[in-house]
């Protein structure tokens, strides 16, 4: 074997060894890339603020957390003309487009407040002095804007409301001031209502 042939074979062996070492390098970007699992946070903005208002929920301010593209959660405080409450909700986002549809579920509780100023009837004013209620709302929404920054939305659906009428005996007495009969006692009356709901609001993603 000539010297030239020996040098050629040696160079070929060194090249093959270098190529094999390169493919097994621990710094290969493919090996360093983190694995994506179903429970990993998606590449969207995750935290935002939501301001909304409507009927019968009143006005609300909530913090928003979106761990995945398809799901968004919020929790915050509501206010109607009788008092304050707390609420929490979730939204399902099937896809994003110029106009994005959503399915929404929300529930909350309004603490005791005074709504007697909204009635001129004596009996009703007594009943409305102490009002509180729980609610659940399901709705379909349409969202306009960027899901990564600013969204304006409209929602419509159905609300279920649970409450109770208090001070029933005093209300009956106030409604019949000239009556000679007197009601000795009366318990609270459980109330339930189902009503259409509508709301609009803004959502700003900050992180």
N, C-alpha and C. Protein backbone atom coordinates (compact mmCIF):
# COMPACT_ATOMS: atom_id res chain seq x y z
N UNK A 1 0.86 -1.20 0.00
CA UNK A 1 0.00 0.00 0.00
C UNK A 1 0.89 1.24 0.00
N UNK A 2 0.57 2.17 -0.85
CA UNK A 2 1.41 3.36 -0.98
C UNK A 2 1.14 4.32 0.16
N UNK A 3 2.07 5.24 0.31
CA UNK A 3 1.92 6.25 1.36
C UNK A 3 0.70 7.12 1.12
N UNK A 4 0.45 7.45 -0.18
CA UNK A 4 -0.70 8.29 -0.51
C UNK A 4 -2.01 7.60 -0.11
N UNK A 5 -2.12 6.29 -0.38
CA UNK A 5 -3.33 5.54 -0.04
C UNK A 5 -3.53 5.48 1.47
N UNK A 6 -2.44 5.30 2.21
CA UNK A 6 -2.54 5.22 3.67
C UNK A 6 -3.03 6.54 4.25
N UNK A 7 -2.52 7.66 3.72
CA UNK A 7 -2.97 8.96 4.21
C UNK A 7 -4.45 9.20 3.90
N UNK A 8 -4.85 8.75 2.73
CA UNK A 8 -6.26 8.91 2.34
C UNK A 8 -7.18 8.14 3.27
N UNK A 9 -6.83 6.89 3.61
CA UNK A 9 -7.65 6.07 4.51
C UNK A 9 -7.68 6.67 5.91
N UNK A 10 -6.55 7.19 6.36
CA UNK A 10 -6.50 7.79 7.70
C UNK A 10 -7.41 9.01 7.79
N UNK A 11 -7.40 9.84 6.76
CA UNK A 11 -8.27 11.01 6.73
C UNK A 11 -9.75 10.61 6.72
N UNK A 12 -10.06 9.55 5.96
CA UNK A 12 -11.45 9.09 5.89
C UNK A 12 -11.93 8.61 7.24
N UNK A 13 -11.09 7.85 7.96
CA UNK A 13 -11.47 7.34 9.28
C UNK A 13 -11.66 8.48 10.28
N UNK A 14 -10.80 9.48 10.24
CA UNK A 14 -10.94 10.63 11.15
C UNK A 14 -12.22 11.40 10.87
N UNK A 15 -12.57 11.54 9.57
CA UNK A 15 -13.81 12.25 9.22
C UNK A 15 -15.04 11.52 9.70
N UNK A 16 -15.04 10.18 9.56
CA UNK A 16 -16.18 9.40 10.02
C UNK A 16 -16.34 9.48 11.53
N UNK A 17 -15.22 9.44 12.25
CA UNK A 17 -15.27 9.53 13.71
C UNK A 17 -15.81 10.89 14.15
N UNK A 18 -15.39 11.96 13.48
CA UNK A 18 -15.86 13.30 13.83
C UNK A 18 -17.36 13.45 13.57
N UNK A 19 -17.84 12.88 12.46
CA UNK A 19 -19.27 12.96 12.14
C UNK A 19 -20.09 12.22 13.17
N UNK A 20 -19.62 11.03 13.60
CA UNK A 20 -20.35 10.24 14.59
C UNK A 20 -20.37 10.97 15.93
N UNK A 21 -19.28 11.59 16.32
CA UNK A 21 -19.23 12.33 17.57
C UNK A 21 -20.15 13.54 17.54
N UNK A 22 -20.27 14.17 16.37
CA UNK A 22 -21.13 15.34 16.24
C UNK A 22 -22.60 14.99 16.41
N UNK A 23 -23.00 13.83 15.86
CA UNK A 23 -24.39 13.41 16.00
C UNK A 23 -24.72 13.02 17.42
N UNK A 24 -23.76 12.67 18.24
CA UNK A 24 -23.98 12.27 19.61
C UNK A 24 -23.67 13.39 20.59
N UNK A 25 -23.45 14.61 20.09
CA UNK A 25 -23.08 15.74 20.95
C UNK A 25 -24.20 16.04 21.93
N UNK A 26 -23.88 16.23 23.21
CA UNK A 26 -24.92 16.56 24.19
C UNK A 26 -25.49 17.95 24.00
N UNK A 27 -24.90 18.75 23.13
CA UNK A 27 -25.40 20.11 22.89
C UNK A 27 -26.29 20.18 21.66
N UNK A 28 -26.76 19.07 21.18
CA UNK A 28 -27.67 19.04 20.03
C UNK A 28 -28.95 19.78 20.41
N UNK A 29 -29.35 20.81 19.64
CA UNK A 29 -30.57 21.56 19.98
C UNK A 29 -31.79 20.66 20.11
N UNK A 30 -31.88 19.61 19.33
CA UNK A 30 -33.04 18.72 19.40
C UNK A 30 -33.10 18.03 20.75
N UNK A 31 -31.91 17.72 21.33
CA UNK A 31 -31.88 17.07 22.62
C UNK A 31 -32.15 18.06 23.75
N UNK A 32 -31.77 19.31 23.57
CA UNK A 32 -31.96 20.32 24.61
C UNK A 32 -33.38 20.89 24.63
N UNK A 33 -34.15 20.68 23.57
CA UNK A 33 -35.50 21.24 23.51
C UNK A 33 -36.38 20.59 24.55
N UNK A 34 -37.08 21.37 25.43
CA UNK A 34 -37.92 20.77 26.48
C UNK A 34 -39.11 20.03 25.89
N UNK A 35 -39.47 18.96 26.56
CA UNK A 35 -40.61 18.16 26.11
C UNK A 35 -41.91 18.88 26.45
N UNK A 36 -42.90 18.78 25.56
CA UNK A 36 -44.19 19.40 25.77
C UNK A 36 -45.20 18.32 26.16
N UNK A 37 -45.85 18.53 27.31
CA UNK A 37 -46.86 17.60 27.79
C UNK A 37 -48.23 18.26 27.72
N UNK A 38 -49.28 17.44 27.86
CA UNK A 38 -50.63 17.97 27.77
C UNK A 38 -50.93 18.96 28.90
N UNK A 39 -50.23 18.82 30.04
CA UNK A 39 -50.47 19.69 31.17
C UNK A 39 -49.57 20.93 31.18
N UNK A 40 -48.69 21.08 30.18
CA UNK A 40 -47.81 22.25 30.13
C UNK A 40 -48.61 23.49 29.74
N UNK A 41 -48.21 24.65 30.26
CA UNK A 41 -48.86 25.90 29.90
C UNK A 41 -48.64 26.19 28.42
N UNK A 42 -49.67 26.67 27.75
CA UNK A 42 -49.56 26.97 26.33
C UNK A 42 -48.87 28.30 26.13
N UNK A 43 -48.50 28.57 24.88
CA UNK A 43 -47.74 29.78 24.55
C UNK A 43 -48.67 30.96 24.28
N UNK A 44 -49.54 31.27 25.25
CA UNK A 44 -50.43 32.42 25.17
C UNK A 44 -50.18 33.31 26.38
N UNK A 45 -50.71 34.51 26.35
CA UNK A 45 -50.66 35.36 27.54
C UNK A 45 -51.60 34.77 28.60
N UNK A 46 -51.10 34.64 29.81
CA UNK A 46 -51.83 33.87 30.82
C UNK A 46 -52.63 34.72 31.81
N UNK A 47 -52.24 35.97 32.04
CA UNK A 47 -52.84 36.76 33.12
C UNK A 47 -53.45 38.03 32.54
N UNK A 48 -54.65 38.37 33.01
CA UNK A 48 -55.31 39.57 32.52
C UNK A 48 -56.30 40.13 33.53
N UNK A 49 -56.94 41.24 33.15
CA UNK A 49 -57.97 41.88 33.94
C UNK A 49 -59.24 42.00 33.10
N UNK A 50 -60.38 41.78 33.75
CA UNK A 50 -61.66 41.83 33.05
C UNK A 50 -62.60 42.80 33.75
N UNK A 51 -63.22 43.66 32.98
CA UNK A 51 -64.22 44.61 33.48
C UNK A 51 -65.50 44.39 32.68
N UNK A 52 -66.61 44.15 33.37
CA UNK A 52 -67.86 43.87 32.65
C UNK A 52 -69.04 44.40 33.42
N UNK A 53 -70.18 44.40 32.75
CA UNK A 53 -71.42 44.83 33.36
C UNK A 53 -72.60 44.31 32.58
N UNK A 54 -73.73 44.13 33.28
CA UNK A 54 -74.91 43.62 32.59
C UNK A 54 -76.03 43.31 33.55
N UNK A 55 -77.02 42.60 33.04
CA UNK A 55 -78.20 42.21 33.82
C UNK A 55 -78.31 40.69 33.83
N UNK A 56 -78.56 40.06 34.97
CA UNK A 56 -78.77 40.66 36.30
C UNK A 56 -77.51 40.72 37.15
N UNK A 57 -76.35 40.45 36.58
CA UNK A 57 -75.14 40.32 37.38
C UNK A 57 -74.58 41.60 37.93
N UNK A 58 -74.93 42.76 37.35
CA UNK A 58 -74.35 44.01 37.80
C UNK A 58 -72.99 44.26 37.16
N UNK A 59 -72.19 45.09 37.80
CA UNK A 59 -70.85 45.43 37.31
C UNK A 59 -69.82 44.59 38.05
N UNK A 60 -68.74 44.21 37.33
CA UNK A 60 -67.74 43.36 37.95
C UNK A 60 -66.33 43.65 37.49
N UNK A 61 -65.39 43.34 38.36
CA UNK A 61 -63.96 43.44 38.07
C UNK A 61 -63.33 42.13 38.51
N UNK A 62 -62.57 41.48 37.61
CA UNK A 62 -62.03 40.15 37.91
C UNK A 62 -60.63 39.99 37.36
N UNK A 63 -59.86 39.14 38.02
CA UNK A 63 -58.56 38.70 37.52
C UNK A 63 -58.78 37.47 36.65
N UNK A 64 -58.01 37.36 35.57
CA UNK A 64 -58.19 36.28 34.59
C UNK A 64 -56.92 35.46 34.50
N UNK A 65 -57.08 34.14 34.43
CA UNK A 65 -55.95 33.24 34.24
C UNK A 65 -56.31 32.27 33.11
N UNK A 66 -55.42 32.21 32.10
CA UNK A 66 -55.65 31.35 30.94
C UNK A 66 -54.47 30.38 30.81
N UNK A 67 -54.57 29.18 31.38
CA UNK A 67 -53.45 28.23 31.32
C UNK A 67 -53.30 27.58 29.95
N UNK A 68 -54.41 27.38 29.24
CA UNK A 68 -54.39 26.74 27.94
C UNK A 68 -55.18 27.60 26.95
N UNK A 69 -54.96 27.38 25.68
CA UNK A 69 -55.67 28.15 24.67
C UNK A 69 -57.19 27.97 24.77
N UNK A 70 -57.62 26.78 25.12
CA UNK A 70 -59.05 26.48 25.08
C UNK A 70 -59.80 26.85 26.36
N UNK A 71 -59.09 27.15 27.45
CA UNK A 71 -59.77 27.38 28.73
C UNK A 71 -59.26 28.66 29.39
N UNK A 72 -60.20 29.38 30.01
CA UNK A 72 -59.88 30.62 30.70
C UNK A 72 -60.72 30.68 31.97
N UNK A 73 -60.11 31.14 33.07
CA UNK A 73 -60.78 31.20 34.35
C UNK A 73 -60.69 32.62 34.91
N UNK A 74 -61.71 33.02 35.69
CA UNK A 74 -61.69 34.35 36.28
C UNK A 74 -62.32 34.32 37.67
N UNK A 75 -61.92 35.27 38.50
CA UNK A 75 -62.47 35.41 39.85
C UNK A 75 -62.35 36.86 40.25
N UNK A 76 -63.40 37.37 40.93
CA UNK A 76 -63.36 38.77 41.30
C UNK A 76 -64.56 39.19 42.12
N UNK A 77 -64.90 40.48 42.03
CA UNK A 77 -65.98 41.07 42.81
C UNK A 77 -67.01 41.71 41.89
N UNK A 78 -68.27 41.68 42.32
CA UNK A 78 -69.38 42.30 41.60
C UNK A 78 -70.03 43.36 42.47
N UNK A 79 -70.73 44.25 41.80
CA UNK A 79 -71.50 45.28 42.52
C UNK A 79 -72.79 45.55 41.76
N UNK A 80 -73.91 45.51 42.49
CA UNK A 80 -75.16 46.03 41.93
C UNK A 80 -75.61 47.17 42.84
N UNK A 81 -76.75 47.75 42.57
CA UNK A 81 -77.15 48.95 43.31
C UNK A 81 -77.57 48.65 44.74
N UNK A 82 -77.58 47.35 45.12
CA UNK A 82 -77.93 46.99 46.49
C UNK A 82 -76.71 46.64 47.33
N UNK A 83 -75.60 46.21 46.71
CA UNK A 83 -74.44 45.83 47.50
C UNK A 83 -73.39 45.11 46.68
N UNK A 84 -72.44 44.49 47.39
CA UNK A 84 -71.29 43.84 46.77
C UNK A 84 -71.43 42.32 46.83
N UNK A 85 -70.70 41.66 45.92
CA UNK A 85 -70.67 40.21 45.90
C UNK A 85 -69.36 39.70 45.34
N UNK A 86 -69.21 38.38 45.34
CA UNK A 86 -68.03 37.72 44.78
C UNK A 86 -68.49 36.76 43.70
N UNK A 87 -67.60 36.50 42.76
CA UNK A 87 -67.97 35.62 41.65
C UNK A 87 -66.74 34.90 41.11
N UNK A 88 -66.98 33.79 40.42
CA UNK A 88 -65.92 33.04 39.73
C UNK A 88 -66.54 32.44 38.49
N UNK A 89 -65.71 32.25 37.45
CA UNK A 89 -66.25 31.74 36.20
C UNK A 89 -65.20 31.04 35.36
N UNK A 90 -65.67 30.41 34.30
CA UNK A 90 -64.80 29.71 33.36
C UNK A 90 -65.35 29.89 31.96
N UNK A 91 -64.44 29.94 30.98
CA UNK A 91 -64.82 30.08 29.58
C UNK A 91 -64.11 29.03 28.74
N UNK A 92 -64.84 28.48 27.78
CA UNK A 92 -64.27 27.54 26.81
C UNK A 92 -64.17 28.25 25.47
N UNK A 93 -62.98 28.20 24.87
CA UNK A 93 -62.70 28.89 23.61
C UNK A 93 -62.37 27.83 22.56
N UNK A 94 -63.31 27.44 21.72
CA UNK A 94 -63.07 26.33 20.78
C UNK A 94 -62.03 26.65 19.72
N UNK A 95 -61.99 27.91 19.26
CA UNK A 95 -61.00 28.32 18.27
C UNK A 95 -60.92 29.84 18.28
N UNK A 96 -59.85 30.38 17.70
CA UNK A 96 -59.66 31.82 17.61
C UNK A 96 -59.77 32.26 16.16
N UNK A 97 -60.51 33.35 15.96
CA UNK A 97 -60.69 33.88 14.61
C UNK A 97 -60.90 35.38 14.74
N UNK A 98 -61.31 36.05 13.67
CA UNK A 98 -61.59 37.48 13.74
C UNK A 98 -62.67 37.76 14.78
N UNK A 99 -63.69 36.92 14.82
CA UNK A 99 -64.71 36.94 15.87
C UNK A 99 -64.65 35.58 16.55
N UNK A 100 -64.32 35.55 17.83
CA UNK A 100 -64.09 34.30 18.55
C UNK A 100 -65.30 33.95 19.42
N UNK A 101 -65.88 32.77 19.25
CA UNK A 101 -67.01 32.37 20.10
C UNK A 101 -66.52 31.78 21.42
N UNK A 102 -67.34 31.89 22.45
CA UNK A 102 -67.01 31.31 23.76
C UNK A 102 -68.26 30.71 24.39
N UNK A 103 -68.04 29.71 25.23
CA UNK A 103 -69.08 29.17 26.12
C UNK A 103 -68.66 29.50 27.54
N UNK A 104 -69.59 30.07 28.33
CA UNK A 104 -69.21 30.62 29.63
C UNK A 104 -70.11 30.10 30.75
N UNK A 105 -69.49 29.88 31.90
CA UNK A 105 -70.21 29.48 33.11
C UNK A 105 -69.71 30.34 34.26
N UNK A 106 -70.65 30.91 35.01
CA UNK A 106 -70.28 31.81 36.10
C UNK A 106 -71.21 31.61 37.29
N UNK A 107 -70.68 31.73 38.48
CA UNK A 107 -71.48 31.64 39.69
C UNK A 107 -70.96 32.59 40.73
N UNK A 108 -71.84 32.98 41.67
CA UNK A 108 -71.39 33.91 42.69
C UNK A 108 -72.41 34.11 43.78
N UNK A 109 -72.06 35.00 44.70
CA UNK A 109 -72.91 35.29 45.86
C UNK A 109 -72.87 36.79 46.13
N UNK A 110 -74.05 37.39 46.31
CA UNK A 110 -74.16 38.77 46.72
C UNK A 110 -74.46 38.81 48.22
N UNK A 111 -73.65 39.59 48.94
CA UNK A 111 -73.84 39.73 50.38
C UNK A 111 -75.06 40.61 50.67
N UNK A 112 -75.45 40.61 51.93
CA UNK A 112 -76.65 41.34 52.32
C UNK A 112 -76.53 42.83 52.00
N UNK A 113 -77.57 43.35 51.36
CA UNK A 113 -77.59 44.76 50.99
C UNK A 113 -78.98 45.34 51.16
N UNK A 114 -79.10 46.62 50.95
CA UNK A 114 -80.36 47.34 51.12
C UNK A 114 -80.85 47.83 49.76
N UNK A 115 -81.97 47.27 49.31
CA UNK A 115 -82.55 47.67 48.03
C UNK A 115 -83.91 48.33 48.21
N UNK A 116 -84.22 48.78 49.43
CA UNK A 116 -85.54 49.35 49.71
C UNK A 116 -85.78 50.65 48.95
N UNK A 117 -84.73 51.34 48.55
CA UNK A 117 -84.90 52.62 47.86
C UNK A 117 -85.51 52.48 46.47
N UNK A 118 -85.59 51.24 45.98
CA UNK A 118 -86.12 51.03 44.63
C UNK A 118 -87.62 50.76 44.61
N UNK A 119 -88.27 50.87 45.75
CA UNK A 119 -89.71 50.63 45.80
C UNK A 119 -90.39 51.68 46.67
N UNK A 120 -91.62 52.03 46.28
CA UNK A 120 -92.42 52.96 47.07
C UNK A 120 -93.47 52.24 47.91
N UNK A 121 -93.59 50.94 47.71
CA UNK A 121 -94.56 50.16 48.47
C UNK A 121 -94.00 49.86 49.86
N UNK A 122 -94.81 50.09 50.89
CA UNK A 122 -94.35 49.94 52.27
C UNK A 122 -93.93 48.51 52.57
N UNK A 123 -94.71 47.55 52.15
CA UNK A 123 -94.37 46.15 52.42
C UNK A 123 -93.12 45.74 51.68
N UNK A 124 -93.01 46.14 50.42
CA UNK A 124 -91.84 45.79 49.62
C UNK A 124 -90.57 46.42 50.20
N UNK A 125 -90.69 47.63 50.71
CA UNK A 125 -89.51 48.29 51.27
C UNK A 125 -88.98 47.53 52.49
N UNK A 126 -89.88 46.98 53.28
CA UNK A 126 -89.45 46.18 54.43
C UNK A 126 -88.73 44.92 53.96
N UNK A 127 -89.27 44.24 52.95
CA UNK A 127 -88.66 43.02 52.44
C UNK A 127 -87.30 43.29 51.80
N UNK A 128 -87.16 44.45 51.19
CA UNK A 128 -85.94 44.77 50.45
C UNK A 128 -84.84 45.38 51.32
N UNK A 129 -85.11 45.57 52.61
CA UNK A 129 -84.08 46.15 53.48
C UNK A 129 -82.89 45.21 53.64
N UNK A 130 -83.14 43.92 53.60
CA UNK A 130 -82.08 42.92 53.76
C UNK A 130 -82.22 41.88 52.65
N UNK A 131 -81.44 42.06 51.60
CA UNK A 131 -81.51 41.14 50.47
C UNK A 131 -80.11 40.58 50.19
N UNK A 132 -80.05 39.31 49.89
CA UNK A 132 -78.83 38.65 49.44
C UNK A 132 -79.24 37.50 48.54
N UNK A 133 -78.36 37.10 47.64
CA UNK A 133 -78.73 36.01 46.74
C UNK A 133 -77.50 35.33 46.16
N UNK A 134 -77.72 34.12 45.68
CA UNK A 134 -76.73 33.36 44.93
C UNK A 134 -77.19 33.26 43.49
N UNK A 135 -76.23 33.11 42.57
CA UNK A 135 -76.62 33.04 41.16
C UNK A 135 -75.67 32.14 40.39
N UNK A 136 -76.19 31.56 39.32
CA UNK A 136 -75.41 30.80 38.34
C UNK A 136 -75.86 31.26 36.96
N UNK A 137 -74.90 31.53 36.08
CA UNK A 137 -75.22 32.02 34.74
C UNK A 137 -74.47 31.20 33.70
N UNK A 138 -75.18 30.76 32.68
CA UNK A 138 -74.55 30.14 31.52
C UNK A 138 -74.81 31.05 30.32
N UNK A 139 -73.81 31.20 29.46
CA UNK A 139 -73.98 32.13 28.34
C UNK A 139 -73.10 31.73 27.16
N UNK A 140 -73.47 32.26 26.01
CA UNK A 140 -72.67 32.16 24.79
C UNK A 140 -72.17 33.57 24.48
N UNK A 141 -70.89 33.66 24.12
CA UNK A 141 -70.32 34.98 23.87
C UNK A 141 -69.62 35.10 22.53
N UNK A 142 -69.45 36.33 22.10
CA UNK A 142 -68.66 36.66 20.92
C UNK A 142 -67.60 37.67 21.34
N UNK A 143 -66.34 37.40 20.98
CA UNK A 143 -65.23 38.25 21.38
C UNK A 143 -64.55 38.85 20.15
N UNK A 144 -64.24 40.14 20.25
CA UNK A 144 -63.63 40.89 19.15
C UNK A 144 -62.29 41.43 19.62
N UNK A 145 -61.27 41.26 18.80
CA UNK A 145 -59.96 41.77 19.15
C UNK A 145 -58.92 40.67 19.24
N UNK A 146 -57.76 41.03 19.78
CA UNK A 146 -56.64 40.10 19.88
C UNK A 146 -56.71 39.31 21.18
N UNK A 147 -56.68 37.98 21.07
CA UNK A 147 -56.68 37.14 22.25
C UNK A 147 -55.34 37.22 23.00
N UNK A 148 -54.38 37.93 22.44
CA UNK A 148 -53.09 38.10 23.11
C UNK A 148 -52.96 39.47 23.79
N UNK A 149 -53.94 40.36 23.60
CA UNK A 149 -53.80 41.69 24.18
C UNK A 149 -55.12 42.25 24.69
N UNK A 150 -56.05 42.62 23.79
CA UNK A 150 -57.26 43.32 24.20
C UNK A 150 -58.48 42.72 23.51
N UNK A 151 -59.52 42.45 24.30
CA UNK A 151 -60.73 41.81 23.78
C UNK A 151 -61.96 42.57 24.28
N UNK A 152 -62.91 42.80 23.38
CA UNK A 152 -64.24 43.30 23.74
C UNK A 152 -65.24 42.16 23.51
N UNK A 153 -66.14 41.93 24.47
CA UNK A 153 -67.04 40.79 24.32
C UNK A 153 -68.49 41.16 24.64
N UNK A 154 -69.38 40.38 24.01
CA UNK A 154 -70.82 40.42 24.26
C UNK A 154 -71.27 39.01 24.62
N UNK A 155 -72.14 38.90 25.63
CA UNK A 155 -72.61 37.58 26.05
C UNK A 155 -74.11 37.62 26.32
N UNK A 156 -74.75 36.51 26.02
CA UNK A 156 -76.16 36.36 26.33
C UNK A 156 -76.45 34.95 26.77
N UNK A 157 -77.35 34.81 27.75
CA UNK A 157 -77.64 33.46 28.25
C UNK A 157 -78.78 33.47 29.24
N UNK A 158 -78.68 32.59 30.26
CA UNK A 158 -79.72 32.41 31.27
C UNK A 158 -79.07 32.43 32.65
N UNK A 159 -79.76 33.09 33.60
CA UNK A 159 -79.30 33.13 34.99
C UNK A 159 -80.34 32.47 35.89
N UNK A 160 -79.84 31.72 36.87
CA UNK A 160 -80.67 31.14 37.93
C UNK A 160 -80.30 31.85 39.23
N UNK A 161 -81.32 32.34 39.96
CA UNK A 161 -81.09 33.15 41.16
C UNK A 161 -81.84 32.53 42.33
N UNK A 162 -81.14 32.37 43.47
CA UNK A 162 -81.73 31.86 44.70
C UNK A 162 -81.62 32.93 45.78
N UNK A 163 -82.73 33.23 46.45
CA UNK A 163 -82.73 34.22 47.51
C UNK A 163 -83.79 33.84 48.54
N UNK A 164 -84.02 34.71 49.51
CA UNK A 164 -85.09 34.49 50.48
C UNK A 164 -85.62 35.83 50.95
N UNK A 165 -86.90 35.86 51.21
CA UNK A 165 -87.56 37.06 51.73
C UNK A 165 -87.53 37.02 53.25
N UNK A 166 -86.97 38.07 53.84
CA UNK A 166 -86.88 38.17 55.29
C UNK A 166 -87.84 39.24 55.80
N UNK A 167 -88.04 39.27 57.13
CA UNK A 167 -88.92 40.25 57.78
C UNK A 167 -90.33 40.20 57.20
N UNK A 168 -90.81 38.97 56.99
CA UNK A 168 -92.13 38.80 56.37
C UNK A 168 -93.23 39.35 57.25
N UNK A 169 -93.18 39.08 58.56
CA UNK A 169 -94.24 39.56 59.46
C UNK A 169 -94.29 41.08 59.45
N UNK A 170 -93.13 41.72 59.53
CA UNK A 170 -93.09 43.19 59.52
C UNK A 170 -93.60 43.74 58.19
N UNK A 171 -93.30 43.04 57.10
CA UNK A 171 -93.77 43.50 55.79
C UNK A 171 -95.29 43.43 55.68
N UNK A 172 -95.87 42.36 56.19
CA UNK A 172 -97.33 42.23 56.14
C UNK A 172 -97.98 43.31 56.99
N UNK A 173 -97.40 43.58 58.15
CA UNK A 173 -97.95 44.63 59.01
C UNK A 173 -97.82 46.00 58.35
N UNK A 174 -96.70 46.25 57.68
CA UNK A 174 -96.51 47.54 57.01
C UNK A 174 -97.45 47.69 55.83
N UNK A 175 -97.80 46.59 55.18
CA UNK A 175 -98.70 46.65 54.04
C UNK A 175 -100.16 46.74 54.42
N UNK A 176 -100.49 46.49 55.69
CA UNK A 176 -101.87 46.55 56.16
C UNK A 176 -101.92 47.35 57.46
N UNK A 177 -101.65 48.62 57.39
CA UNK A 177 -101.54 49.41 58.63
C UNK A 177 -102.86 49.56 59.38
N UNK A 178 -104.00 49.46 58.71
CA UNK A 178 -105.28 49.64 59.39
C UNK A 178 -105.92 48.35 59.83
N UNK A 179 -105.26 47.22 59.63
CA UNK A 179 -105.86 45.93 59.96
C UNK A 179 -105.84 45.71 61.47
N UNK A 180 -106.94 45.14 61.99
CA UNK A 180 -107.04 44.86 63.43
C UNK A 180 -106.38 43.53 63.78
N UNK A 181 -106.22 42.64 62.81
CA UNK A 181 -105.58 41.34 63.08
C UNK A 181 -104.07 41.50 63.06
N UNK A 182 -103.39 40.68 63.85
CA UNK A 182 -101.94 40.73 63.94
C UNK A 182 -101.37 39.34 63.69
N UNK A 183 -100.35 39.28 62.85
CA UNK A 183 -99.65 38.04 62.58
C UNK A 183 -98.58 37.85 63.64
N UNK A 184 -98.64 36.72 64.32
CA UNK A 184 -97.72 36.48 65.43
C UNK A 184 -96.31 36.25 64.93
N UNK A 185 -96.12 35.36 63.96
CA UNK A 185 -94.79 35.07 63.44
C UNK A 185 -94.88 34.59 61.99
N UNK A 186 -93.78 34.73 61.30
CA UNK A 186 -93.69 34.26 59.91
C UNK A 186 -92.23 34.02 59.59
N UNK A 187 -91.92 32.89 59.00
CA UNK A 187 -90.55 32.56 58.67
C UNK A 187 -90.12 33.16 57.34
N UNK A 188 -88.84 33.04 57.06
CA UNK A 188 -88.31 33.51 55.78
C UNK A 188 -88.87 32.67 54.64
N UNK A 189 -89.07 33.29 53.51
CA UNK A 189 -89.65 32.63 52.34
C UNK A 189 -88.55 32.44 51.30
N UNK A 190 -88.33 31.20 50.87
CA UNK A 190 -87.33 30.91 49.85
C UNK A 190 -87.83 31.36 48.48
N UNK A 191 -86.96 31.99 47.72
CA UNK A 191 -87.32 32.52 46.41
C UNK A 191 -86.38 31.95 45.34
N UNK A 192 -86.92 31.74 44.16
CA UNK A 192 -86.13 31.26 43.03
C UNK A 192 -86.61 31.97 41.77
N UNK A 193 -85.66 32.35 40.93
CA UNK A 193 -86.02 33.03 39.67
C UNK A 193 -85.07 32.58 38.57
N UNK A 194 -85.60 32.50 37.36
CA UNK A 194 -84.81 32.23 36.16
C UNK A 194 -85.07 33.35 35.18
N UNK A 195 -84.00 33.95 34.71
CA UNK A 195 -84.16 35.15 33.88
C UNK A 195 -83.10 35.19 32.79
N UNK A 196 -83.42 35.80 31.65
CA UNK A 196 -82.37 36.01 30.63
C UNK A 196 -81.26 36.89 31.18
N UNK A 197 -80.06 36.69 30.67
CA UNK A 197 -78.92 37.50 31.10
C UNK A 197 -78.22 38.06 29.87
N UNK A 198 -77.64 39.24 30.04
CA UNK A 198 -76.86 39.87 28.98
C UNK A 198 -75.74 40.66 29.64
N UNK A 199 -74.57 40.65 29.04
CA UNK A 199 -73.45 41.41 29.58
C UNK A 199 -72.50 41.79 28.46
N UNK A 200 -71.73 42.82 28.72
CA UNK A 200 -70.65 43.23 27.81
C UNK A 200 -69.47 43.66 28.66
N UNK A 201 -68.28 43.58 28.07
CA UNK A 201 -67.11 43.93 28.85
C UNK A 201 -65.84 43.96 28.04
N UNK A 202 -64.73 44.17 28.75
CA UNK A 202 -63.41 44.26 28.15
C UNK A 202 -62.46 43.33 28.89
N UNK A 203 -61.52 42.80 28.16
CA UNK A 203 -60.52 41.91 28.74
C UNK A 203 -59.15 42.35 28.23
N UNK A 204 -58.25 42.64 29.18
CA UNK A 204 -56.90 43.10 28.83
C UNK A 204 -55.89 42.11 29.39
N UNK A 205 -55.12 41.47 28.50
CA UNK A 205 -54.05 40.57 28.94
C UNK A 205 -52.79 41.38 29.20
N UNK A 206 -52.20 41.16 30.37
CA UNK A 206 -51.01 41.93 30.76
C UNK A 206 -49.75 41.08 30.85
N UNK A 207 -49.89 39.76 30.87
CA UNK A 207 -48.72 38.91 30.96
C UNK A 207 -49.01 37.53 30.35
